[in-house]
Amino acid sequence: MSLPVTQADKKDSFRTHLLRMAWVLFALFIHTGVAVGQLPKISPGTSKDSTEIAPQESEEKTDNNATKATWTSFLGNNRNGISEETGLNLDWNVRKPAVLWRVPLGDGFSSIVIADGRLWTMATHLTSDYVVCFDALSGEKLWSTFAAPTYLDSQRQARGPRSTPTYDAGKLYCLLPAGDLLCLDAISGKIIWKNNIFQLSGAPQQEEKTIYYWGMSASPLIEGDLVILQPGGGNNNSVIALNKETGKLIWSAGSDPPGYGSPIVIEAENQRQIIVPTGQSVLSLTPEKGDLLWRIVWGNKYNCNCATPVWNDDSLFVSSAYGTGCMRFALTRQNEELRPISHWKNLALQNQFATSIIKDGYIYGPHGDLAAVTYRCLDMQRGQVQWISRRVGKCTQIAVEGHLICLTEQGTLILVEANPTEYREKGRLTGLLGFKAWAHPALANQRLYIRDEKRLVCLDLKQK
């Protein structure tokens, strides 16, 4: 005969059932690898493909493999805006890239550099400019280091940093608009040394001379043991080289006002050269001592050469706005001296602040300044316009796998095929950014990074 079920027995049975369910859920929790300490760091807007959670051991292997590629300087590792990555989604009309994460940032036009699974940029917060480090995969902010009081140009057009940090052997070299130069440990953000390039060189602050000046914008160039910068002085102190370990002045050269484009290093006619776009010229200097190899006059009344020169195997391309135009010239030896020889010069492509991309013998870039801006393709050999499009406008850009990724001033991303016969758009993304976007995009490990004056966004470009 069975005993009657009492109220207490019902309670005990209910407790036993709950306990069993708890153990089942706990076992499932452990088995699937989602214990609290192993939760992946996923921000709103994460790609659907990344919602599958793998065990920690597998996740660490994925992270290690996903951080090998680098983008260590302004316009990439070679300062030409071209990425060598492959396996990318390059037809956004078919499948739009997913936003992996977006994080708040601050004012400034500093672009992004990437190495060892981290990314660095500079931005304003309240009344100060900072160097900021994020985890490149998750967008988690790792540290920020105070760099200088916030800069605002004389015309009050924009606040914050203009140039892009340069990454080299575990260190960051960061130039602020008023000439403060910092060398930081890239992992910790600790300042190793700090100097002011105006105080070191004796060059005058340009704010004292003209209202048509918008702050130090050229990104530091690392060449051997040197950091190359351009304070812009008129007494053999326009360009300077500092020891990258100590920040001490090694040499100074030139007598031009500063430009805004960044220096590059090239090899031509068995001569390694530092090419510097100043406010009124393009200079070629020897890395060792800063000896002048050659100089061409190049500029406008605002001393506003903003685009970086582009080296293409055997010739240099330079472009500036405000009526200056563009030019392609070769470097040859005459009587044991290097000389620039112009192949052509015209007004067909005038870059305001974005640097043109040279791909397979053709030049791509935005043309114009204060009026309507168009996007153009020129023939590198003769400088002739191949096509003009009004669908892009004022933008920055990088190139990858035969395509151009353009970021418009309004924050729209446009994918364009590098096709010299016609403008061929492969997709556009709107609404990613909402404020002025002048920083060039950066690309590493199949992820695209873009920013405006308020936020930083990471997109998944991996081909599925």
Protein backbone atom coordinates (compact mmCIF):
# COMPACT_ATOMS: atom_id res chain seq x y z
CA MET A 1 0.00 0.00 0.00
CA SER A 2 1.43 3.31 -0.96
CA LEU A 3 1.73 6.09 1.53
CA PRO A 4 -0.22 9.22 0.97
CA VAL A 5 1.75 12.16 -0.45
CA THR A 6 2.03 14.91 2.16
CA GLN A 7 2.61 18.65 1.54
CA ALA A 8 6.13 18.27 2.93
CA ASP A 9 6.82 15.45 0.47
CA LYS A 10 5.63 17.67 -2.37
CA LYS A 11 8.03 20.38 -1.27
CA ASP A 12 10.93 17.89 -1.01
CA SER A 13 10.14 16.51 -4.44
CA PHE A 14 10.03 20.02 -5.90
CA ARG A 15 13.36 20.90 -4.28
CA THR A 16 14.93 17.70 -5.63
CA HIS A 17 13.66 18.51 -9.12
CA LEU A 18 15.07 22.04 -8.96
CA LEU A 19 18.41 20.73 -7.72
CA ARG A 20 18.64 18.25 -10.59
CA MET A 21 17.80 20.96 -13.12
CA ALA A 22 20.45 23.23 -11.61
CA TRP A 23 23.09 20.50 -11.95
CA VAL A 24 22.09 19.84 -15.56
CA LEU A 25 22.30 23.53 -16.44
CA PHE A 26 25.64 23.87 -14.65
CA ALA A 27 27.08 20.87 -16.51
CA LEU A 28 25.85 22.31 -19.80
CA PHE A 29 27.33 25.69 -18.87
CA ILE A 30 30.77 24.19 -18.24
CA HIS A 31 30.67 21.84 -21.23
CA THR A 32 29.94 24.60 -23.76
CA GLY A 33 32.84 26.73 -22.58
CA VAL A 34 30.86 29.81 -21.61
CA ALA A 35 31.90 30.09 -17.98
CA VAL A 36 31.98 33.67 -16.78
CA GLY A 37 35.72 34.13 -17.25
CA GLN A 38 35.54 32.92 -20.85
CA LEU A 39 32.87 35.18 -22.28
CA PRO A 40 34.04 36.72 -25.56
CA LYS A 41 34.02 40.50 -25.65
CA ILE A 42 31.29 41.35 -28.14
CA SER A 43 30.00 44.88 -28.62
CA PRO A 44 26.62 45.86 -30.07
CA GLY A 45 26.55 45.50 -33.83
CA THR A 46 28.68 42.36 -33.88
CA SER A 47 28.57 40.24 -37.02
CA LYS A 48 26.12 37.30 -36.90
CA ASP A 49 29.00 35.02 -37.81
CA SER A 50 30.78 35.88 -34.57
CA THR A 51 27.94 34.91 -32.21
CA GLU A 52 28.97 31.25 -32.11
CA ILE A 53 31.00 30.83 -28.93
CA ALA A 54 33.98 28.50 -29.06
CA PRO A 55 35.96 27.06 -26.14
CA GLN A 56 38.71 29.30 -24.73
CA GLU A 57 41.60 27.26 -26.15
CA SER A 58 40.17 27.50 -29.67
CA GLU A 59 39.39 31.20 -29.24
CA GLU A 60 42.98 31.99 -28.23
CA LYS A 61 44.30 30.26 -31.35
CA THR A 62 41.90 32.25 -33.51
CA ASP A 63 42.95 35.51 -31.87
CA ASN A 64 46.63 34.73 -32.40
CA ASN A 65 46.07 34.03 -36.08
CA ALA A 66 43.90 37.11 -36.46
CA THR A 67 46.52 39.65 -35.35
CA LYS A 68 49.49 39.00 -37.62
CA ALA A 69 48.93 41.74 -40.20
CA THR A 70 49.98 45.31 -39.41
CA TRP A 71 49.28 48.87 -40.48
CA THR A 72 52.09 50.68 -38.71
CA SER A 73 52.08 54.17 -40.17
CA PHE A 74 50.04 56.83 -41.91
CA LEU A 75 48.80 55.33 -45.22
CA GLY A 76 50.03 51.88 -44.19
CA ASN A 77 53.36 50.13 -43.88
CA ASN A 78 54.71 51.59 -47.13
CA ARG A 79 53.01 55.00 -46.87
CA ASN A 80 51.31 54.57 -50.24
CA GLY A 81 47.80 53.69 -49.06
CA ILE A 82 47.96 50.17 -50.52
CA SER A 83 47.24 47.03 -48.47
CA GLU A 84 48.66 43.65 -49.52
CA GLU A 85 45.92 41.65 -47.78
CA THR A 86 43.82 39.12 -49.68
CA GLY A 87 40.66 37.10 -49.09
CA LEU A 88 38.45 40.15 -48.63
CA ASN A 89 34.79 40.83 -49.30
CA LEU A 90 34.98 43.14 -52.31
CA ASP A 91 31.42 43.19 -53.57
CA TRP A 92 29.30 45.04 -51.06
CA ASN A 93 26.34 45.07 -53.43
CA VAL A 94 26.11 41.32 -52.83
CA ARG A 95 27.02 41.21 -49.14
CA LYS A 96 27.52 44.26 -46.96
CA PRO A 97 30.29 44.13 -44.36
CA ALA A 98 29.09 43.72 -40.77
CA VAL A 99 29.97 46.20 -38.06
CA LEU A 100 31.99 44.26 -35.48
CA TRP A 101 32.14 47.06 -32.92
CA ARG A 102 31.91 50.80 -32.49
CA VAL A 103 33.28 52.82 -29.58
CA PRO A 104 33.15 56.50 -28.59
CA LEU A 105 36.23 58.55 -29.36
CA GLY A 106 36.66 62.33 -29.62
CA ASP A 107 37.70 65.21 -31.86
CA GLY A 108 40.67 64.92 -34.16
CA PHE A 109 41.76 63.71 -37.61
CA SER A 110 44.44 61.27 -36.52
CA SER A 111 44.21 57.97 -38.40
CA ILE A 112 44.81 54.50 -36.96
CA VAL A 113 47.86 52.23 -36.69
CA ILE A 114 47.67 48.51 -35.89
CA ALA A 115 50.15 45.90 -34.63
CA ASP A 116 50.18 42.90 -32.27
CA GLY A 117 46.41 42.83 -31.89
CA ARG A 118 46.21 46.46 -30.76
CA LEU A 119 45.35 49.72 -32.43
CA TRP A 120 46.36 53.26 -31.57
CA THR A 121 45.11 56.70 -32.51
CA MET A 122 44.84 60.18 -30.97
CA ALA A 123 41.77 62.14 -29.92
CA THR A 124 40.48 64.98 -27.75
CA HIS A 125 38.61 64.58 -24.49
CA LEU A 126 37.38 67.78 -22.84
CA THR A 127 40.42 70.11 -22.85
CA SER A 128 43.18 67.57 -23.49
CA ASP A 129 44.58 65.53 -26.37
CA TYR A 130 45.33 61.87 -25.72
CA VAL A 131 47.03 58.90 -27.30
CA VAL A 132 44.54 56.03 -27.04
CA CYS A 133 44.99 52.26 -27.32
CA PHE A 134 42.25 49.70 -28.08
CA ASP A 135 42.11 45.95 -28.47
CA ALA A 136 41.86 45.55 -32.26
CA LEU A 137 39.55 42.54 -32.07
CA SER A 138 37.06 43.55 -29.37
CA GLY A 139 37.29 47.36 -29.32
CA GLU A 140 38.03 47.33 -25.59
CA LYS A 141 39.86 50.47 -24.51
CA LEU A 142 43.18 49.42 -22.96
CA TRP A 143 44.70 52.78 -21.98
CA SER A 144 44.89 56.48 -22.77
CA THR A 145 47.86 58.78 -22.16
CA PHE A 146 47.68 62.54 -21.83
CA ALA A 147 49.71 64.11 -24.65
CA ALA A 148 49.04 67.88 -24.72
CA PRO A 149 46.39 70.55 -24.14
CA THR A 150 43.76 70.49 -26.87
CA TYR A 151 44.72 72.40 -30.00
CA LEU A 152 42.34 74.72 -31.85
CA ASP A 153 43.56 76.45 -35.01
CA SER A 154 43.36 80.22 -35.52
CA GLN A 155 40.32 79.95 -37.77
CA ARG A 156 38.63 77.72 -35.17
CA GLN A 157 37.83 75.05 -37.73
CA ALA A 158 38.71 71.97 -35.71
CA ARG A 159 40.02 70.71 -32.39
CA GLY A 160 42.44 67.96 -31.62
CA PRO A 161 45.30 65.96 -33.18
CA ARG A 162 45.93 66.01 -36.92
CA SER A 163 48.82 63.61 -37.49
CA THR A 164 48.87 59.82 -37.10
CA PRO A 165 51.07 57.88 -34.65
CA THR A 166 53.90 55.80 -36.08
CA TYR A 167 54.57 52.33 -34.65
CA ASP A 168 58.13 50.99 -34.61
CA ALA A 169 59.60 48.08 -32.62
CA GLY A 170 57.18 48.29 -29.72
CA LYS A 171 57.16 52.07 -29.50
CA LEU A 172 54.79 54.81 -30.68
CA TYR A 173 55.91 58.19 -32.00
CA CYS A 174 53.16 60.78 -31.74
CA LEU A 175 53.23 64.40 -32.94
CA LEU A 176 50.67 66.85 -31.57
CA PRO A 177 49.50 70.01 -33.38
CA ALA A 178 51.56 72.45 -31.27
CA GLY A 179 54.78 70.51 -31.84
CA ASP A 180 54.82 68.19 -28.83
CA LEU A 181 56.47 64.90 -29.79
CA LEU A 182 56.05 61.83 -27.58
CA CYS A 183 57.71 58.44 -27.65
CA LEU A 184 55.55 55.90 -25.79
CA ASP A 185 55.75 52.25 -24.89
CA ALA A 186 53.08 50.77 -27.18
CA ILE A 187 51.91 48.15 -24.69
CA SER A 188 51.65 50.22 -21.51
CA GLY A 189 51.25 53.75 -22.86
CA LYS A 190 54.08 54.96 -20.62
CA ILE A 191 55.95 58.02 -21.95
CA ILE A 192 59.59 57.15 -22.68
CA TRP A 193 60.59 60.67 -23.72
CA LYS A 194 58.92 63.92 -24.77
CA ASN A 195 60.15 66.96 -26.66
CA ASN A 196 58.80 69.96 -28.54
CA ILE A 197 60.08 70.20 -32.11
CA PHE A 198 59.80 73.99 -32.19
CA GLN A 199 61.95 74.34 -29.10
CA LEU A 200 64.47 71.80 -30.43
CA SER A 201 64.78 73.34 -33.88
CA GLY A 202 64.28 77.03 -33.14
CA ALA A 203 61.62 77.18 -35.86
CA PRO A 204 58.84 79.70 -35.18
CA GLN A 205 55.28 78.67 -34.37
CA GLN A 206 53.30 79.40 -37.52
CA GLU A 207 50.34 80.81 -35.56
CA GLU A 208 52.53 83.84 -34.93
CA LYS A 209 52.95 84.45 -38.67
CA THR A 210 49.61 83.77 -40.38
CA ILE A 211 46.00 82.79 -39.73
CA TYR A 212 46.28 80.33 -42.63
CA TYR A 213 47.79 77.64 -40.48
CA TRP A 214 46.08 74.57 -39.06
CA GLY A 215 48.63 72.84 -36.82
CA MET A 216 51.31 70.17 -37.20
CA SER A 217 49.76 67.45 -39.34
CA ALA A 218 52.62 65.46 -40.89
CA SER A 219 53.10 62.03 -39.33
CA PRO A 220 56.57 61.11 -37.98
CA LEU A 221 58.74 59.02 -40.29
CA ILE A 222 61.06 56.40 -38.83
CA GLU A 223 64.23 55.91 -40.89
CA GLY A 224 66.83 53.70 -39.25
CA ASP A 225 67.62 55.22 -35.85
CA LEU A 226 66.00 58.55 -36.75
CA VAL A 227 62.60 60.20 -36.43
CA ILE A 228 62.03 62.67 -39.29
CA LEU A 229 59.77 65.70 -38.69
CA GLN A 230 59.04 69.08 -40.24
CA PRO A 231 58.71 72.10 -37.91
CA GLY A 232 59.19 74.46 -40.88
CA GLY A 233 61.87 77.05 -40.17
CA GLY A 234 63.63 79.56 -42.42
CA ASN A 235 67.15 79.03 -41.09
CA ASN A 236 68.24 75.53 -42.09
CA ASN A 237 65.69 74.12 -39.66
CA SER A 238 62.67 73.28 -41.80
CA VAL A 239 63.22 69.52 -41.47
CA ILE A 240 64.80 67.82 -38.47
CA ALA A 241 65.97 64.35 -37.49
CA LEU A 242 65.92 63.12 -33.89
CA ASN A 243 67.41 60.01 -32.35
CA LYS A 244 64.42 57.71 -31.93
CA GLU A 245 65.71 56.29 -28.63
CA THR A 246 66.50 59.58 -26.88
CA GLY A 247 64.67 62.36 -28.75
CA LYS A 248 67.92 64.31 -29.20
CA LEU A 249 68.44 66.49 -32.30
CA ILE A 250 70.77 64.86 -34.86
CA TRP A 251 70.50 67.18 -37.87
CA SER A 252 68.37 69.93 -39.39
CA ALA A 253 67.97 71.06 -43.01
CA GLY A 254 66.00 73.30 -45.38
CA SER A 255 64.47 76.74 -45.05
CA ASP A 256 60.84 76.28 -46.07
CA PRO A 257 57.60 76.86 -44.14
CA PRO A 258 55.90 73.63 -43.01
CA GLY A 259 53.49 71.68 -45.16
CA TYR A 260 50.89 69.17 -44.01
CA GLY A 261 51.80 66.09 -46.07
CA SER A 262 53.97 63.41 -44.48
CA PRO A 263 57.57 62.57 -45.45
CA ILE A 264 58.39 59.28 -47.17
CA VAL A 265 61.62 57.41 -47.90
CA ILE A 266 62.54 56.09 -51.37
CA GLU A 267 65.43 54.45 -53.21
CA ALA A 268 66.32 55.91 -56.62
CA GLU A 269 69.53 55.93 -58.65
CA ASN A 270 71.25 53.96 -55.87
CA GLN A 271 70.48 56.76 -53.44
CA ARG A 272 68.23 56.45 -50.41
CA GLN A 273 66.29 59.68 -49.98
CA ILE A 274 63.88 61.30 -47.57
CA ILE A 275 61.18 63.12 -49.57
CA VAL A 276 59.50 65.96 -47.67
CA PRO A 277 56.55 68.05 -48.92
CA THR A 278 57.03 71.46 -47.31
CA GLY A 279 54.76 74.49 -47.58
CA GLN A 280 56.49 75.73 -50.73
CA SER A 281 58.50 72.84 -52.15
CA VAL A 282 59.34 69.18 -52.30
CA LEU A 283 62.75 68.41 -50.75
CA SER A 284 65.03 65.41 -51.09
CA LEU A 285 67.49 64.87 -48.23
CA THR A 286 70.04 62.22 -47.32
CA PRO A 287 68.99 60.25 -44.23
CA GLU A 288 72.46 60.27 -42.67
CA LYS A 289 73.13 64.01 -42.45
CA GLY A 290 70.17 65.76 -44.07
CA ASP A 291 72.23 66.98 -47.02
CA LEU A 292 70.08 68.48 -49.78
CA LEU A 293 69.97 66.32 -52.91
CA TRP A 294 67.40 68.37 -54.83
CA ARG A 295 64.49 70.78 -54.39
CA ILE A 296 61.53 71.70 -56.60
CA VAL A 297 59.25 74.67 -56.01
CA TRP A 298 55.73 73.45 -55.28
CA GLY A 299 52.92 75.16 -53.42
CA ASN A 300 50.25 77.84 -53.14
CA LYS A 301 49.59 81.06 -51.23
CA TYR A 302 48.34 79.15 -48.18
CA ASN A 303 51.47 76.97 -47.91
CA CYS A 304 48.91 74.18 -48.02
CA ASN A 305 50.54 71.08 -49.48
CA CYS A 306 48.56 68.38 -47.67
CA ALA A 307 48.76 65.23 -49.78
CA THR A 308 51.75 62.94 -49.29
CA PRO A 309 54.03 62.34 -52.32
CA VAL A 310 53.64 58.92 -53.94
CA TRP A 311 56.62 56.95 -55.27
CA ASN A 312 55.86 54.54 -58.09
CA ASP A 313 58.88 52.43 -59.11
CA ASP A 314 60.64 55.08 -61.18
CA SER A 315 58.90 58.40 -60.58
CA LEU A 316 57.26 60.64 -57.99
CA PHE A 317 53.71 62.00 -58.11
CA VAL A 318 52.71 65.11 -56.18
CA SER A 319 49.37 66.89 -56.04
CA SER A 320 48.00 69.95 -54.23
CA ALA A 321 44.80 71.99 -54.30
CA TYR A 322 44.06 75.74 -54.47
CA GLY A 323 45.21 76.03 -58.08
CA THR A 324 48.48 74.11 -57.73
CA GLY A 325 47.72 70.94 -59.73
CA CYS A 326 49.74 67.75 -60.03
CA MET A 327 53.03 66.58 -61.50
CA ARG A 328 54.88 63.39 -62.27
CA PHE A 329 58.67 63.56 -62.36
CA ALA A 330 61.57 61.14 -62.57
CA LEU A 331 64.93 61.28 -60.80
CA THR A 332 68.08 61.00 -62.91
CA ARG A 333 71.81 61.57 -62.42
CA GLN A 334 73.45 64.39 -64.33
CA ASN A 335 77.11 65.16 -63.69
CA GLU A 336 77.01 62.96 -60.57
CA GLU A 337 74.08 64.94 -59.16
CA LEU A 338 70.49 63.81 -58.73
CA ARG A 339 68.01 65.92 -60.63
CA PRO A 340 64.18 65.83 -60.86
CA ILE A 341 62.98 65.77 -64.47
CA SER A 342 59.29 66.54 -65.06
CA HIS A 343 57.35 64.16 -67.32
CA TRP A 344 54.16 66.23 -67.14
CA LYS A 345 52.37 68.82 -65.05
CA ASN A 346 48.71 69.90 -65.20
CA LEU A 347 45.66 71.02 -63.22
CA ALA A 348 43.62 67.86 -63.83
CA LEU A 349 43.95 66.39 -60.31
CA GLN A 350 44.23 68.64 -57.25
CA ASN A 351 44.25 66.76 -53.94
CA GLN A 352 43.18 68.88 -50.99
CA PHE A 353 44.00 66.67 -47.97
CA ALA A 354 43.72 63.11 -49.33
CA THR A 355 46.63 61.32 -51.00
CA SER A 356 46.09 59.79 -54.43
CA ILE A 357 46.49 56.04 -55.04
CA ILE A 358 48.60 54.75 -57.93
CA LYS A 359 47.51 51.33 -59.15
CA ASP A 360 48.65 49.50 -62.29
CA GLY A 361 49.77 52.67 -64.04
CA TYR A 362 46.75 54.81 -63.17
CA ILE A 363 46.15 57.49 -60.54
CA TYR A 364 42.92 57.65 -58.52
CA GLY A 365 41.87 60.44 -56.19
CA PRO A 366 39.56 63.33 -55.29
CA HIS A 367 39.92 66.62 -57.18
CA GLY A 368 38.94 70.00 -55.73
CA ASP A 369 38.93 72.06 -52.56
CA LEU A 370 36.33 74.70 -51.64
CA ALA A 371 33.95 74.17 -54.56
CA ALA A 372 32.47 70.92 -55.90
CA VAL A 373 34.80 67.92 -55.56
CA THR A 374 34.91 65.08 -58.09
CA TYR A 375 36.63 61.71 -58.09
CA ARG A 376 39.02 61.07 -60.98
CA CYS A 377 41.27 58.61 -62.74
CA LEU A 378 44.38 59.80 -64.61
CA ASP A 379 46.82 57.97 -66.83
CA MET A 380 50.19 57.89 -65.04
CA GLN A 381 52.15 57.93 -68.28
CA ARG A 382 50.69 61.12 -69.76
CA GLY A 383 48.56 62.67 -67.05
CA GLN A 384 45.38 62.50 -69.11
CA VAL A 385 41.97 62.19 -67.43
CA GLN A 386 40.39 58.77 -68.02
CA TRP A 387 37.08 59.43 -66.26
CA ILE A 388 35.36 61.73 -63.76
CA SER A 389 32.64 60.81 -61.27
CA ARG A 390 30.54 62.95 -58.94
CA ARG A 391 29.40 59.96 -56.88
CA VAL A 392 32.24 60.14 -54.34
CA GLY A 393 33.24 63.75 -53.69
CA LYS A 394 35.61 64.83 -50.93
CA CYS A 395 37.11 61.73 -49.36
CA THR A 396 40.11 59.86 -48.01
CA GLN A 397 41.03 56.45 -49.41
CA ILE A 398 43.10 53.28 -49.33
CA ALA A 399 43.47 50.47 -51.87
CA VAL A 400 43.31 46.67 -51.66
CA GLU A 401 43.11 43.85 -54.22
CA GLY A 402 42.35 46.06 -57.22
CA HIS A 403 39.75 48.13 -55.37
CA LEU A 404 39.60 51.53 -53.68
CA ILE A 405 37.91 52.05 -50.33
CA CYS A 406 36.80 55.67 -50.09
CA LEU A 407 35.58 57.34 -46.90
CA THR A 408 33.68 60.53 -47.65
CA GLU A 409 33.75 63.63 -45.48
CA GLN A 410 30.17 62.82 -44.40
CA GLY A 411 31.18 59.31 -43.23
CA THR A 412 29.93 57.20 -46.15
CA LEU A 413 32.09 54.24 -47.20
CA ILE A 414 32.25 53.56 -50.95
CA LEU A 415 33.92 50.60 -52.65
CA VAL A 416 35.18 51.39 -56.15
CA GLU A 417 36.86 49.07 -58.61
CA ALA A 418 40.29 50.34 -59.71
CA ASN A 419 39.19 50.35 -63.34
CA PRO A 420 40.75 52.89 -65.75
CA THR A 421 37.98 52.54 -68.33
CA GLU A 422 35.01 53.58 -66.18
CA TYR A 423 33.81 54.40 -62.67
CA ARG A 424 32.49 51.11 -61.31
CA GLU A 425 30.98 51.15 -57.81
CA LYS A 426 30.82 47.87 -55.87
CA GLY A 427 28.75 49.14 -52.95
CA ARG A 428 28.36 51.86 -50.34
CA LEU A 429 27.61 51.97 -46.62
CA THR A 430 25.87 54.96 -45.08
CA GLY A 431 25.17 55.95 -41.50
CA LEU A 432 28.38 54.50 -40.03
CA LEU A 433 29.72 57.91 -39.02
CA GLY A 434 27.92 61.19 -38.51
CA PHE A 435 30.56 63.88 -38.08
CA LYS A 436 33.42 65.21 -40.20
CA ALA A 437 35.56 62.24 -41.31
CA TRP A 438 38.98 63.32 -42.55
CA ALA A 439 41.08 60.48 -41.15
CA HIS A 440 42.23 57.88 -43.68
CA PRO A 441 40.89 54.34 -43.19
CA ALA A 442 43.21 51.58 -41.93
CA LEU A 443 43.11 47.87 -42.76
CA ALA A 444 44.64 44.88 -40.97
CA ASN A 445 43.65 41.25 -40.45
CA GLN A 446 40.66 41.60 -42.78
CA ARG A 447 39.18 44.32 -40.61
CA LEU A 448 38.59 47.89 -41.72
CA TYR A 449 38.88 50.72 -39.20
CA ILE A 450 37.35 54.17 -39.74
CA ARG A 451 36.70 57.18 -37.51
CA ASP A 452 35.20 60.64 -37.39
CA GLU A 453 35.25 63.30 -34.66
CA LYS A 454 33.07 61.23 -32.31
CA ARG A 455 33.56 57.50 -32.78
CA LEU A 456 35.74 54.65 -34.01
CA VAL A 457 34.20 51.80 -36.03
CA CYS A 458 35.49 48.36 -36.99
CA LEU A 459 34.02 46.43 -39.95
CA ASP A 460 34.46 42.81 -40.98
CA LEU A 461 35.88 42.56 -44.52
CA LYS A 462 36.61 38.84 -44.42
CA GLN A 463 35.34 36.92 -47.42
CA LYS A 464 32.92 34.24 -46.19
